[in-house]
Amino acid sequence: MADISDRRMIATFLDAQAAELGASENTLMAYGRDLADVVDWTESKGHALLDLSRNEIEAYLIHCEAQGLAKSTRARRLSALKQFFRFAFEEGWRSDNPALLIKGPGRDKRLPKTLDIEDVDRLL
């Protein structure tokens, strides 16, 4: 699909997310921003979004980590990429889904909450 620009493909993907899945406006805006960032990165590397390999997607995620982005932001960006490439595969734009097996950054571990004096008394 070399004749369709990356940004046009993203617009088509977002339209489908809204129409077929009823995605919220916030989700669409977040996916749009995230995918625009990916396109900026791919263009700086001389690539096209649709041509990215698994290794290049992982390199992008490493780039995001190096920028100091939170795990939740990196997970959302990966989610946007996974949804986009699933759509691209279903539409026949690609014969595979390079993001399918990429694991996310996980969640930050939180410390357990402490018990207050009343809770400790109840336990005893």
PDB file of N, CA and C in Angstrom:
ATOM      1  N   MET A   1       0.832  -1.189   0.000  1.00  0.00           N
ATOM      2  CA  MET A   1       0.000   0.000   0.000  1.00  0.00           C
ATOM      3  C   MET A   1       0.877   1.253   0.000  1.00  0.00           C
ATOM      4  N   ALA A   2       1.883   1.281  -0.814  1.00  0.00           N
ATOM      5  CA  ALA A   2       2.817   2.398  -0.836  1.00  0.00           C
ATOM      6  C   ALA A   2       2.149   3.698  -1.273  1.00  0.00           C
ATOM      7  N   ASP A   3       0.972   3.598  -1.915  1.00  0.00           N
ATOM      8  CA  ASP A   3       0.319   4.805  -2.396  1.00  0.00           C
ATOM      9  C   ASP A   3      -0.480   5.521  -1.309  1.00  0.00           C
ATOM     10  N   ILE A   4      -0.657   4.908  -0.166  1.00  0.00           N
ATOM     11  CA  ILE A   4      -1.398   5.543   0.923  1.00  0.00           C
ATOM     12  C   ILE A   4      -0.404   6.008   1.981  1.00  0.00           C
ATOM     13  N   SER A   5      -0.492   7.257   2.359  1.00  0.00           N
ATOM     14  CA  SER A   5       0.450   7.789   3.344  1.00  0.00           C
ATOM     15  C   SER A   5       0.185   7.194   4.725  1.00  0.00           C
ATOM     16  N   ASP A   6       1.213   7.227   5.565  1.00  0.00           N
ATOM     17  CA  ASP A   6       1.081   6.732   6.933  1.00  0.00           C
ATOM     18  C   ASP A   6      -0.054   7.444   7.666  1.00  0.00           C
ATOM     19  N   ARG A   7      -0.117   8.744   7.510  1.00  0.00           N
ATOM     20  CA  ARG A   7      -1.132   9.511   8.244  1.00  0.00           C
ATOM     21  C   ARG A   7      -2.549   9.218   7.732  1.00  0.00           C
ATOM     22  N   ARG A   8      -2.668   8.935   6.455  1.00  0.00           N
ATOM     23  CA  ARG A   8      -3.985   8.567   5.909  1.00  0.00           C
ATOM     24  C   ARG A   8      -4.409   7.199   6.434  1.00  0.00           C
ATOM     25  N   MET A   9      -3.449   6.270   6.543  1.00  0.00           N
ATOM     26  CA  MET A   9      -3.754   4.943   7.097  1.00  0.00           C
ATOM     27  C   MET A   9      -4.193   5.058   8.551  1.00  0.00           C
ATOM     28  N   ILE A  10      -3.531   5.941   9.289  1.00  0.00           N
ATOM     29  CA  ILE A  10      -3.914   6.140  10.691  1.00  0.00           C
ATOM     30  C   ILE A  10      -5.334   6.694  10.765  1.00  0.00           C
ATOM     31  N   ALA A  11      -5.658   7.650   9.907  1.00  0.00           N
ATOM     32  CA  ALA A  11      -7.010   8.225   9.891  1.00  0.00           C
ATOM     33  C   ALA A  11      -8.041   7.140   9.563  1.00  0.00           C
ATOM     34  N   THR A  12      -7.734   6.278   8.614  1.00  0.00           N
ATOM     35  CA  THR A  12      -8.635   5.184   8.258  1.00  0.00           C
ATOM     36  C   THR A  12      -8.811   4.235   9.436  1.00  0.00           C
ATOM     37  N   PHE A  13      -7.701   3.912  10.105  1.00  0.00           N
ATOM     38  CA  PHE A  13      -7.735   3.052  11.282  1.00  0.00           C
ATOM     39  C   PHE A  13      -8.597   3.670  12.386  1.00  0.00           C
ATOM     40  N   LEU A  14      -8.407   4.963  12.654  1.00  0.00           N
ATOM     41  CA  LEU A  14      -9.175   5.624  13.707  1.00  0.00           C
ATOM     42  C   LEU A  14     -10.660   5.687  13.359  1.00  0.00           C
ATOM     43  N   ASP A  15     -10.972   5.927  12.101  1.00  0.00           N
ATOM     44  CA  ASP A  15     -12.372   5.917  11.662  1.00  0.00           C
ATOM     45  C   ASP A  15     -13.001   4.552  11.916  1.00  0.00           C
ATOM     46  N   ALA A  16     -12.256   3.497  11.619  1.00  0.00           N
ATOM     47  CA  ALA A  16     -12.769   2.141  11.826  1.00  0.00           C
ATOM     48  C   ALA A  16     -12.945   1.850  13.317  1.00  0.00           C
ATOM     49  N   GLN A  17     -12.005   2.316  14.135  1.00  0.00           N
ATOM     50  CA  GLN A  17     -12.118   2.116  15.584  1.00  0.00           C
ATOM     51  C   GLN A  17     -13.381   2.779  16.111  1.00  0.00           C
ATOM     52  N   ALA A  18     -13.668   3.958  15.610  1.00  0.00           N
ATOM     53  CA  ALA A  18     -14.859   4.690  16.054  1.00  0.00           C
ATOM     54  C   ALA A  18     -16.131   4.002  15.564  1.00  0.00           C
ATOM     55  N   ALA A  19     -16.142   3.620  14.298  1.00  0.00           N
ATOM     56  CA  ALA A  19     -17.360   3.065  13.701  1.00  0.00           C
ATOM     57  C   ALA A  19     -17.635   1.630  14.140  1.00  0.00           C
ATOM     58  N   GLU A  20     -16.614   0.788  14.100  1.00  0.00           N
ATOM     59  CA  GLU A  20     -16.822  -0.639  14.343  1.00  0.00           C
ATOM     60  C   GLU A  20     -16.781  -1.005  15.822  1.00  0.00           C
ATOM     61  N   LEU A  21     -15.913  -0.361  16.571  1.00  0.00           N
ATOM     62  CA  LEU A  21     -15.737  -0.736  17.970  1.00  0.00           C
ATOM     63  C   LEU A  21     -16.330   0.270  18.938  1.00  0.00           C
ATOM     64  N   GLY A  22     -16.790   1.386  18.420  1.00  0.00           N
ATOM     65  CA  GLY A  22     -17.355   2.406  19.296  1.00  0.00           C
ATOM     66  C   GLY A  22     -16.333   2.986  20.260  1.00  0.00           C
ATOM     67  N   ALA A  23     -15.090   3.099  19.819  1.00  0.00           N
ATOM     68  CA  ALA A  23     -14.027   3.637  20.679  1.00  0.00           C
ATOM     69  C   ALA A  23     -14.380   5.049  21.124  1.00  0.00           C
ATOM     70  N   SER A  24     -14.032   5.356  22.369  1.00  0.00           N
ATOM     71  CA  SER A  24     -14.329   6.681  22.912  1.00  0.00           C
ATOM     72  C   SER A  24     -13.457   7.741  22.252  1.00  0.00           C
ATOM     73  N   GLU A  25     -13.899   8.984  22.365  1.00  0.00           N
ATOM     74  CA  GLU A  25     -13.138  10.104  21.803  1.00  0.00           C
ATOM     75  C   GLU A  25     -11.750  10.175  22.433  1.00  0.00           C
ATOM     76  N   ASN A  26     -11.652   9.925  23.743  1.00  0.00           N
ATOM     77  CA  ASN A  26     -10.350   9.957  24.424  1.00  0.00           C
ATOM     78  C   ASN A  26      -9.416   8.871  23.886  1.00  0.00           C
ATOM     79  N   THR A  27      -9.967   7.684  23.665  1.00  0.00           N
ATOM     80  CA  THR A  27      -9.155   6.590  23.118  1.00  0.00           C
ATOM     81  C   THR A  27      -8.665   6.946  21.725  1.00  0.00           C
ATOM     82  N   LEU A  28      -9.557   7.471  20.900  1.00  0.00           N
ATOM     83  CA  LEU A  28      -9.172   7.844  19.540  1.00  0.00           C
ATOM     84  C   LEU A  28      -8.100   8.925  19.537  1.00  0.00           C
ATOM     85  N   MET A  29      -8.248   9.911  20.409  1.00  0.00           N
ATOM     86  CA  MET A  29      -7.249  10.984  20.486  1.00  0.00           C
ATOM     87  C   MET A  29      -5.902  10.435  20.952  1.00  0.00           C
ATOM     88  N   ALA A  30      -5.924   9.562  21.953  1.00  0.00           N
ATOM     89  CA  ALA A  30      -4.675   8.988  22.471  1.00  0.00           C
ATOM     90  C   ALA A  30      -4.000   8.134  21.402  1.00  0.00           C
ATOM     91  N   TYR A  31      -4.774   7.268  20.725  1.00  0.00           N
ATOM     92  CA  TYR A  31      -4.198   6.451  19.652  1.00  0.00           C
ATOM     93  C   TYR A  31      -3.650   7.337  18.540  1.00  0.00           C
ATOM     94  N   GLY A  32      -4.370   8.387  18.205  1.00  0.00           N
ATOM     95  CA  GLY A  32      -3.908   9.296  17.162  1.00  0.00           C
ATOM     96  C   GLY A  32      -2.583   9.950  17.520  1.00  0.00           C
ATOM     97  N   ARG A  33      -2.475  10.436  18.744  1.00  0.00           N
ATOM     98  CA  ARG A  33      -1.213  11.053  19.208  1.00  0.00           C
ATOM     99  C   ARG A  33      -0.084  10.026  19.228  1.00  0.00           C
ATOM    100  N   ASP A  34      -0.390   8.850  19.766  1.00  0.00           N
ATOM    101  CA  ASP A  34       0.645   7.814  19.877  1.00  0.00           C
ATOM    102  C   ASP A  34       1.141   7.377  18.510  1.00  0.00           C
ATOM    103  N   LEU A  35       0.236   7.164  17.583  1.00  0.00           N
ATOM    104  CA  LEU A  35       0.645   6.726  16.246  1.00  0.00           C
ATOM    105  C   LEU A  35       1.344   7.845  15.478  1.00  0.00           C
ATOM    106  N   ALA A  36       0.958   9.093  15.719  1.00  0.00           N
ATOM    107  CA  ALA A  36       1.666  10.219  15.093  1.00  0.00           C
ATOM    108  C   ALA A  36       3.111  10.267  15.589  1.00  0.00           C
ATOM    109  N   ASP A  37       3.316   9.973  16.868  1.00  0.00           N
ATOM    110  CA  ASP A  37       4.679   9.939  17.412  1.00  0.00           C
ATOM    111  C   ASP A  37       5.482   8.822  16.754  1.00  0.00           C
ATOM    112  N   VAL A  38       4.849   7.673  16.558  1.00  0.00           N
ATOM    113  CA  VAL A  38       5.533   6.557  15.889  1.00  0.00           C
ATOM    114  C   VAL A  38       5.924   6.960  14.471  1.00  0.00           C
ATOM    115  N   VAL A  39       5.009   7.617  13.764  1.00  0.00           N
ATOM    116  CA  VAL A  39       5.298   8.056  12.385  1.00  0.00           C
ATOM    117  C   VAL A  39       6.468   9.035  12.384  1.00  0.00           C
ATOM    118  N   ASP A  40       6.491   9.977  13.326  1.00  0.00           N
ATOM    119  CA  ASP A  40       7.614  10.916  13.402  1.00  0.00           C
ATOM    120  C   ASP A  40       8.928  10.156  13.582  1.00  0.00           C
ATOM    121  N   TRP A  41       8.919   9.163  14.471  1.00  0.00           N
ATOM    122  CA  TRP A  41      10.124   8.361  14.722  1.00  0.00           C
ATOM    123  C   TRP A  41      10.518   7.570  13.476  1.00  0.00           C
ATOM    124  N   THR A  42       9.530   6.929  12.834  1.00  0.00           N
ATOM    125  CA  THR A  42       9.855   6.120  11.654  1.00  0.00           C
ATOM    126  C   THR A  42      10.387   6.977  10.519  1.00  0.00           C
ATOM    127  N   GLU A  43       9.799   8.164  10.345  1.00  0.00           N
ATOM    128  CA  GLU A  43      10.289   9.062   9.291  1.00  0.00           C
ATOM    129  C   GLU A  43      11.724   9.492   9.560  1.00  0.00           C
ATOM    130  N   SER A  44      12.042   9.717  10.846  1.00  0.00           N
ATOM    131  CA  SER A  44      13.413  10.117  11.181  1.00  0.00           C
ATOM    132  C   SER A  44      14.408   8.994  10.904  1.00  0.00           C
ATOM    133  N   LYS A  45      13.904   7.762  10.861  1.00  0.00           N
ATOM    134  CA  LYS A  45      14.753   6.595  10.572  1.00  0.00           C
ATOM    135  C   LYS A  45      14.696   6.194   9.102  1.00  0.00           C
ATOM    136  N   GLY A  46      13.887   6.916   8.319  1.00  0.00           N
ATOM    137  CA  GLY A  46      13.770   6.601   6.898  1.00  0.00           C
ATOM    138  C   GLY A  46      12.868   5.421   6.598  1.00  0.00           C
ATOM    139  N   HIS A  47      11.945   5.125   7.507  1.00  0.00           N
ATOM    140  CA  HIS A  47      11.028   4.003   7.320  1.00  0.00           C
ATOM    141  C   HIS A  47       9.609   4.511   7.136  1.00  0.00           C
ATOM    142  N   ALA A  48       8.746   3.603   6.719  1.00  0.00           N
ATOM    143  CA  ALA A  48       7.312   3.867   6.672  1.00  0.00           C
ATOM    144  C   ALA A  48       6.655   3.029   7.760  1.00  0.00           C
ATOM    145  N   LEU A  49       5.605   3.549   8.349  1.00  0.00           N
ATOM    146  CA  LEU A  49       4.914   2.859   9.439  1.00  0.00           C
ATOM    147  C   LEU A  49       4.523   1.442   9.052  1.00  0.00           C
ATOM    148  N   LEU A  50       3.941   1.286   7.913  1.00  0.00           N
ATOM    149  CA  LEU A  50       3.424  -0.017   7.497  1.00  0.00           C
ATOM    150  C   LEU A  50       4.528  -1.044   7.264  1.00  0.00           C
ATOM    151  N   ASP A  51       5.746  -0.581   7.054  1.00  0.00           N
ATOM    152  CA  ASP A  51       6.856  -1.487   6.764  1.00  0.00           C
ATOM    153  C   ASP A  51       7.662  -1.886   7.999  1.00  0.00           C
ATOM    154  N   LEU A  52       7.260  -1.427   9.168  1.00  0.00           N
ATOM    155  CA  LEU A  52       8.041  -1.723  10.374  1.00  0.00           C
ATOM    156  C   LEU A  52       8.067  -3.224  10.670  1.00  0.00           C
ATOM    157  N   SER A  53       9.228  -3.673  11.133  1.00  0.00           N
ATOM    158  CA  SER A  53       9.385  -5.061  11.567  1.00  0.00           C
ATOM    159  C   SER A  53       9.234  -5.115  13.091  1.00  0.00           C
ATOM    160  N   ARG A  54       9.186  -6.303  13.612  1.00  0.00           N
ATOM    161  CA  ARG A  54       9.119  -6.460  15.066  1.00  0.00           C
ATOM    162  C   ARG A  54      10.324  -5.785  15.728  1.00  0.00           C
ATOM    163  N   ASN A  55      11.505  -5.980  15.167  1.00  0.00           N
ATOM    164  CA  ASN A  55      12.723  -5.379  15.738  1.00  0.00           C
ATOM    165  C   ASN A  55      12.635  -3.854  15.749  1.00  0.00           C
ATOM    166  N   GLU A  56      12.085  -3.273  14.697  1.00  0.00           N
ATOM    167  CA  GLU A  56      11.963  -1.816  14.639  1.00  0.00           C
ATOM    168  C   GLU A  56      10.925  -1.305  15.636  1.00  0.00           C
ATOM    169  N   ILE A  57       9.850  -2.043  15.826  1.00  0.00           N
ATOM    170  CA  ILE A  57       8.853  -1.653  16.828  1.00  0.00           C
ATOM    171  C   ILE A  57       9.477  -1.712  18.220  1.00  0.00           C
ATOM    172  N   GLU A  58      10.246  -2.757  18.472  1.00  0.00           N
ATOM    173  CA  GLU A  58      10.930  -2.870  19.765  1.00  0.00           C
ATOM    174  C   GLU A  58      11.949  -1.742  19.935  1.00  0.00           C
ATOM    175  N   ALA A  59      12.627  -1.365  18.859  1.00  0.00           N
ATOM    176  CA  ALA A  59      13.573  -0.241  18.931  1.00  0.00           C
ATOM    177  C   ALA A  59      12.834   1.051  19.264  1.00  0.00           C
ATOM    178  N   TYR A  60      11.657   1.225  18.696  1.00  0.00           N
ATOM    179  CA  TYR A  60      10.847   2.406  19.022  1.00  0.00           C
ATOM    180  C   TYR A  60      10.482   2.414  20.507  1.00  0.00           C
ATOM    181  N   LEU A  61      10.096   1.269  21.045  1.00  0.00           N
ATOM    182  CA  LEU A  61       9.733   1.193  22.463  1.00  0.00           C
ATOM    183  C   LEU A  61      10.943   1.475  23.356  1.00  0.00           C
ATOM    184  N   ILE A  62      12.109   1.038  22.932  1.00  0.00           N
ATOM    185  CA  ILE A  62      13.340   1.358  23.670  1.00  0.00           C
ATOM    186  C   ILE A  62      13.596   2.861  23.614  1.00  0.00           C
ATOM    187  N   HIS A  63      13.363   3.463  22.454  1.00  0.00           N
ATOM    188  CA  HIS A  63      13.479   4.913  22.295  1.00  0.00           C
ATOM    189  C   HIS A  63      12.545   5.622  23.283  1.00  0.00           C
ATOM    190  N   CYS A  64      11.309   5.131  23.415  1.00  0.00           N
ATOM    191  CA  CYS A  64      10.345   5.736  24.344  1.00  0.00           C
ATOM    192  C   CYS A  64      10.832   5.625  25.780  1.00  0.00           C
ATOM    193  N   GLU A  65      11.404   4.473  26.122  1.00  0.00           N
ATOM    194  CA  GLU A  65      11.930   4.287  27.472  1.00  0.00           C
ATOM    195  C   GLU A  65      13.101   5.241  27.728  1.00  0.00           C
ATOM    196  N   ALA A  66      13.963   5.399  26.722  1.00  0.00           N
ATOM    197  CA  ALA A  66      15.115   6.295  26.850  1.00  0.00           C
ATOM    198  C   ALA A  66      14.679   7.748  27.028  1.00  0.00           C
ATOM    199  N   GLN A  67      13.490   8.085  26.507  1.00  0.00           N
ATOM    200  CA  GLN A  67      12.952   9.434  26.691  1.00  0.00           C
ATOM    201  C   GLN A  67      12.406   9.635  28.103  1.00  0.00           C
ATOM    202  N   GLY A  68      12.336   8.567  28.865  1.00  0.00           N
ATOM    203  CA  GLY A  68      11.829   8.662  30.227  1.00  0.00           C
ATOM    204  C   GLY A  68      10.316   8.572  30.327  1.00  0.00           C
ATOM    205  N   LEU A  69       9.664   8.044  29.293  1.00  0.00           N
ATOM    206  CA  LEU A  69       8.209   7.926  29.337  1.00  0.00           C
ATOM    207  C   LEU A  69       7.798   6.868  30.358  1.00  0.00           C
ATOM    208  N   ALA A  70       6.708   7.114  31.028  1.00  0.00           N
ATOM    209  CA  ALA A  70       6.201   6.197  32.043  1.00  0.00           C
ATOM    210  C   ALA A  70       5.823   4.865  31.418  1.00  0.00           C
ATOM    211  N   LYS A  71       5.845   3.811  32.244  1.00  0.00           N
ATOM    212  CA  LYS A  71       5.456   2.491  31.751  1.00  0.00           C
ATOM    213  C   LYS A  71       4.046   2.517  31.182  1.00  0.00           C
ATOM    214  N   SER A  72       3.158   3.247  31.818  1.00  0.00           N
ATOM    215  CA  SER A  72       1.769   3.297  31.345  1.00  0.00           C
ATOM    216  C   SER A  72       1.688   3.940  29.955  1.00  0.00           C
ATOM    217  N   THR A  73       2.498   4.951  29.712  1.00  0.00           N
ATOM    218  CA  THR A  73       2.519   5.602  28.394  1.00  0.00           C
ATOM    219  C   THR A  73       3.087   4.657  27.346  1.00  0.00           C
ATOM    220  N   ARG A  74       4.176   3.973  27.698  1.00  0.00           N
ATOM    221  CA  ARG A  74       4.772   3.025  26.750  1.00  0.00           C
ATOM    222  C   ARG A  74       3.819   1.867  26.466  1.00  0.00           C
ATOM    223  N   ALA A  75       3.090   1.421  27.481  1.00  0.00           N
ATOM    224  CA  ALA A  75       2.114   0.343  27.281  1.00  0.00           C
ATOM    225  C   ALA A  75       0.987   0.800  26.360  1.00  0.00           C
ATOM    226  N   ARG A  76       0.533   2.046  26.525  1.00  0.00           N
ATOM    227  CA  ARG A  76      -0.528   2.562  25.661  1.00  0.00           C
ATOM    228  C   ARG A  76      -0.032   2.692  24.222  1.00  0.00           C
ATOM    229  N   ARG A  77       1.205   3.129  24.044  1.00  0.00           N
ATOM    230  CA  ARG A  77       1.753   3.250  22.686  1.00  0.00           C
ATOM    231  C   ARG A  77       1.863   1.878  22.026  1.00  0.00           C
ATOM    232  N   LEU A  78       2.282   0.882  22.802  1.00  0.00           N
ATOM    233  CA  LEU A  78       2.337  -0.472  22.253  1.00  0.00           C
ATOM    234  C   LEU A  78       0.936  -0.960  21.914  1.00  0.00           C
ATOM    235  N   SER A  79      -0.022  -0.661  22.754  1.00  0.00           N
ATOM    236  CA  SER A  79      -1.403  -1.047  22.486  1.00  0.00           C
ATOM    237  C   SER A  79      -1.894  -0.417  21.189  1.00  0.00           C
ATOM    238  N   ALA A  80      -1.597   0.847  20.981  1.00  0.00           N
ATOM    239  CA  ALA A  80      -1.985   1.523  19.738  1.00  0.00           C
ATOM    240  C   ALA A  80      -1.347   0.838  18.535  1.00  0.00           C
ATOM    241  N   LEU A  81      -0.077   0.494  18.655  1.00  0.00           N
ATOM    242  CA  LEU A  81       0.609  -0.191  17.556  1.00  0.00           C
ATOM    243  C   LEU A  81       0.010  -1.570  17.301  1.00  0.00           C
ATOM    244  N   LYS A  82      -0.283  -2.300  18.368  1.00  0.00           N
ATOM    245  CA  LYS A  82      -0.873  -3.624  18.198  1.00  0.00           C
ATOM    246  C   LYS A  82      -2.232  -3.536  17.503  1.00  0.00           C
ATOM    247  N   GLN A  83      -3.044  -2.570  17.933  1.00  0.00           N
ATOM    248  CA  GLN A  83      -4.353  -2.401  17.313  1.00  0.00           C
ATOM    249  C   GLN A  83      -4.210  -1.984  15.848  1.00  0.00           C
ATOM    250  N   PHE A  84      -3.290  -1.085  15.579  1.00  0.00           N
ATOM    251  CA  PHE A  84      -3.077  -0.629  14.202  1.00  0.00           C
ATOM    252  C   PHE A  84      -2.642  -1.789  13.310  1.00  0.00           C
ATOM    253  N   PHE A  85      -1.645  -2.560  13.758  1.00  0.00           N
ATOM    254  CA  PHE A  85      -1.146  -3.645  12.913  1.00  0.00           C
ATOM    255  C   PHE A  85      -2.146  -4.791  12.792  1.00  0.00           C
ATOM    256  N   ARG A  86      -2.980  -4.996  13.799  1.00  0.00           N
ATOM    257  CA  ARG A  86      -4.051  -5.984  13.672  1.00  0.00           C
ATOM    258  C   ARG A  86      -5.025  -5.533  12.572  1.00  0.00           C
ATOM    259  N   PHE A  87      -5.362  -4.241  12.611  1.00  0.00           N
ATOM    260  CA  PHE A  87      -6.240  -3.672  11.581  1.00  0.00           C
ATOM    261  C   PHE A  87      -5.594  -3.780  10.198  1.00  0.00           C
ATOM    262  N   ALA A  88      -4.300  -3.448  10.113  1.00  0.00           N
ATOM    263  CA  ALA A  88      -3.592  -3.511   8.826  1.00  0.00           C
ATOM    264  C   ALA A  88      -3.593  -4.938   8.279  1.00  0.00           C
ATOM    265  N   PHE A  89      -3.427  -5.916   9.159  1.00  0.00           N
ATOM    266  CA  PHE A  89      -3.466  -7.316   8.739  1.00  0.00           C
ATOM    267  C   PHE A  89      -4.863  -7.690   8.247  1.00  0.00           C
ATOM    268  N   GLU A  90      -5.879  -7.302   9.022  1.00  0.00           N
ATOM    269  CA  GLU A  90      -7.264  -7.633   8.645  1.00  0.00           C
ATOM    270  C   GLU A  90      -7.680  -6.964   7.339  1.00  0.00           C
ATOM    271  N   GLU A  91      -7.151  -5.772   7.075  1.00  0.00           N
ATOM    272  CA  GLU A  91      -7.481  -5.054   5.846  1.00  0.00           C
ATOM    273  C   GLU A  91      -6.654  -5.523   4.649  1.00  0.00           C
ATOM    274  N   GLY A  92      -5.680  -6.395   4.892  1.00  0.00           N
ATOM    275  CA  GLY A  92      -4.838  -6.881   3.809  1.00  0.00           C
ATOM    276  C   GLY A  92      -3.706  -5.940   3.444  1.00  0.00           C
ATOM    277  N   TRP A  93      -3.457  -4.946   4.301  1.00  0.00           N
ATOM    278  CA  TRP A  93      -2.347  -4.029   4.051  1.00  0.00           C
ATOM    279  C   TRP A  93      -1.010  -4.706   4.320  1.00  0.00           C
ATOM    280  N   ARG A  94      -1.038  -5.702   5.206  1.00  0.00           N
ATOM    281  CA  ARG A  94       0.150  -6.489   5.544  1.00  0.00           C
ATOM    282  C   ARG A  94      -0.241  -7.950   5.567  1.00  0.00           C
ATOM    283  N   SER A  95       0.744  -8.812   5.349  1.00  0.00           N
ATOM    284  CA  SER A  95       0.478 -10.251   5.402  1.00  0.00           C
ATOM    285  C   SER A  95       0.776 -10.834   6.777  1.00  0.00           C
ATOM    286  N   ASP A  96       1.271  -9.998   7.679  1.00  0.00           N
ATOM    287  CA  ASP A  96       1.574 -10.443   9.041  1.00  0.00           C
ATOM    288  C   ASP A  96       1.312  -9.301  10.013  1.00  0.00           C
ATOM    289  N   ASN A  97       1.455  -9.602  11.295  1.00  0.00           N
ATOM    290  CA  ASN A  97       1.307  -8.585  12.339  1.00  0.00           C
ATOM    291  C   ASN A  97       2.594  -8.571  13.152  1.00  0.00           C
ATOM    292  N   PRO A  98       3.497  -7.616  12.892  1.00  0.00           N
ATOM    293  CA  PRO A  98       4.794  -7.616  13.559  1.00  0.00           C
ATOM    294  C   PRO A  98       4.721  -7.282  15.052  1.00  0.00           C
ATOM    295  N   ALA A  99       3.612  -6.741  15.511  1.00  0.00           N
ATOM    296  CA  ALA A  99       3.489  -6.348  16.925  1.00  0.00           C
ATOM    297  C   ALA A  99       2.834  -7.421  17.774  1.00  0.00           C
ATOM    298  N   LEU A 100       2.383  -8.481  17.146  1.00  0.00           N
ATOM    299  CA  LEU A 100       1.562  -9.481  17.821  1.00  0.00           C
ATOM    300  C   LEU A 100       2.212 -10.065  19.075  1.00  0.00           C
ATOM    301  N   LEU A 101       3.470 -10.427  19.015  1.00  0.00           N
ATOM    302  CA  LEU A 101       4.117 -11.128  20.123  1.00  0.00           C
ATOM    303  C   LEU A 101       4.962 -10.239  21.028  1.00  0.00           C
ATOM    304  N   ILE A 102       4.896  -8.944  20.826  1.00  0.00           N
ATOM    305  CA  ILE A 102       5.690  -8.027  21.659  1.00  0.00           C
ATOM    306  C   ILE A 102       4.995  -7.862  23.002  1.00  0.00           C
ATOM    307  N   LYS A 103       5.760  -8.048  24.057  1.00  0.00           N
ATOM    308  CA  LYS A 103       5.214  -7.893  25.402  1.00  0.00           C
ATOM    309  C   LYS A 103       5.389  -6.460  25.865  1.00  0.00           C
ATOM    310  N   GLY A 104       4.441  -5.995  26.628  1.00  0.00           N
ATOM    311  CA  GLY A 104       4.476  -4.637  27.149  1.00  0.00           C
ATOM    312  C   GLY A 104       5.455  -4.487  28.295  1.00  0.00           C
ATOM    313  N   PRO A 105       5.611  -3.263  28.753  1.00  0.00           N
ATOM    314  CA  PRO A 105       6.578  -2.982  29.818  1.00  0.00           C
ATOM    315  C   PRO A 105       6.130  -3.450  31.192  1.00  0.00           C
ATOM    316  N   GLY A 106       4.911  -3.928  31.331  1.00  0.00           N
ATOM    317  CA  GLY A 106       4.421  -4.335  32.646  1.00  0.00           C
ATOM    318  C   GLY A 106       3.961  -3.141  33.445  1.00  0.00           C
ATOM    319  N   ARG A 107       3.628  -3.399  34.662  1.00  0.00           N
ATOM    320  CA  ARG A 107       3.146  -2.333  35.536  1.00  0.00           C
ATOM    321  C   ARG A 107       4.179  -2.045  36.610  1.00  0.00           C
ATOM    322  N   ASP A 108       4.146  -0.824  37.103  1.00  0.00           N
ATOM    323  CA  ASP A 108       5.009  -0.489  38.226  1.00  0.00           C
ATOM    324  C   ASP A 108       4.541  -1.275  39.439  1.00  0.00           C
ATOM    325  N   LYS A 109       5.500  -1.784  40.202  1.00  0.00           N
ATOM    326  CA  LYS A 109       5.151  -2.495  41.425  1.00  0.00           C
ATOM    327  C   LYS A 109       4.848  -1.472  42.506  1.00  0.00           C
ATOM    328  N   ARG A 110       3.769  -1.718  43.175  1.00  0.00           N
ATOM    329  CA  ARG A 110       3.378  -0.819  44.252  1.00  0.00           C
ATOM    330  C   ARG A 110       3.641  -1.478  45.582  1.00  0.00           C
ATOM    331  N   LEU A 111       4.002  -0.665  46.531  1.00  0.00           N
ATOM    332  CA  LEU A 111       4.184  -1.179  47.883  1.00  0.00           C
ATOM    333  C   LEU A 111       2.817  -1.488  48.477  1.00  0.00           C
ATOM    334  N   PRO A 112       2.757  -2.517  49.333  1.00  0.00           N
ATOM    335  CA  PRO A 112       1.465  -2.806  49.956  1.00  0.00           C
ATOM    336  C   PRO A 112       1.073  -1.678  50.901  1.00  0.00           C
ATOM    337  N   LYS A 113      -0.233  -1.516  51.035  1.00  0.00           N
ATOM    338  CA  LYS A 113      -0.721  -0.495  51.956  1.00  0.00           C
ATOM    339  C   LYS A 113      -0.493  -0.967  53.385  1.00  0.00           C
ATOM    340  N   THR A 114      -0.224  -0.034  54.243  1.00  0.00           N
ATOM    341  CA  THR A 114      -0.038  -0.389  55.654  1.00  0.00           C
ATOM    342  C   THR A 114      -1.372  -0.333  56.377  1.00  0.00           C
ATOM    343  N   LEU A 115      -1.443  -1.096  57.429  1.00  0.00           N
ATOM    344  CA  LEU A 115      -2.654  -1.117  58.239  1.00  0.00           C
ATOM    345  C   LEU A 115      -2.605   0.000  59.263  1.00  0.00           C
ATOM    346  N   ASP A 116      -3.746   0.589  59.514  1.00  0.00           N
ATOM    347  CA  ASP A 116      -3.766   1.591  60.578  1.00  0.00           C
ATOM    348  C   ASP A 116      -3.972   0.880  61.909  1.00  0.00           C
ATOM    349  N   ILE A 117      -3.891   1.586  63.000  1.00  0.00           N
ATOM    350  CA  ILE A 117      -3.944   0.998  64.343  1.00  0.00           C
ATOM    351  C   ILE A 117      -5.259   0.251  64.572  1.00  0.00           C
ATOM    352  N   GLU A 118      -6.354   0.800  64.093  1.00  0.00           N
ATOM    353  CA  GLU A 118      -7.654   0.135  64.282  1.00  0.00           C
ATOM    354  C   GLU A 118      -7.688  -1.220  63.565  1.00  0.00           C
ATOM    355  N   ASP A 119      -7.127  -1.291  62.374  1.00  0.00           N
ATOM    356  CA  ASP A 119      -7.099  -2.565  61.636  1.00  0.00           C
ATOM    357  C   ASP A 119      -6.231  -3.599  62.358  1.00  0.00           C
ATOM    358  N   VAL A 120      -5.113  -3.159  62.894  1.00  0.00           N
ATOM    359  CA  VAL A 120      -4.238  -4.069  63.636  1.00  0.00           C
ATOM    360  C   VAL A 120      -4.956  -4.567  64.880  1.00  0.00           C
ATOM    361  N   ASP A 121      -5.639  -3.662  65.590  1.00  0.00           N
ATOM    362  CA  ASP A 121      -6.396  -4.069  66.782  1.00  0.00           C
ATOM    363  C   ASP A 121      -7.459  -5.109  66.426  1.00  0.00           C
ATOM    364  N   ARG A 122      -8.150  -4.908  65.332  1.00  0.00           N
ATOM    365  CA  ARG A 122      -9.185  -5.869  64.906  1.00  0.00           C
ATOM    366  C   ARG A 122      -8.584  -7.233  64.588  1.00  0.00           C
ATOM    367  N   LEU A 123      -7.397  -7.215  63.972  1.00  0.00           N
ATOM    368  CA  LEU A 123      -6.730  -8.479  63.654  1.00  0.00           C
ATOM    369  C   LEU A 123      -6.314  -9.239  64.919  1.00  0.00           C
ATOM    370  N   LEU A 124      -5.862  -8.483  65.924  1.00  0.00           N
ATOM    371  CA  LEU A 124      -5.416  -9.113  67.175  1.00  0.00           C
ATOM    372  C   LEU A 124      -6.624  -9.539  67.970  1.00  0.00           C
TER     373      LEU A 124
END
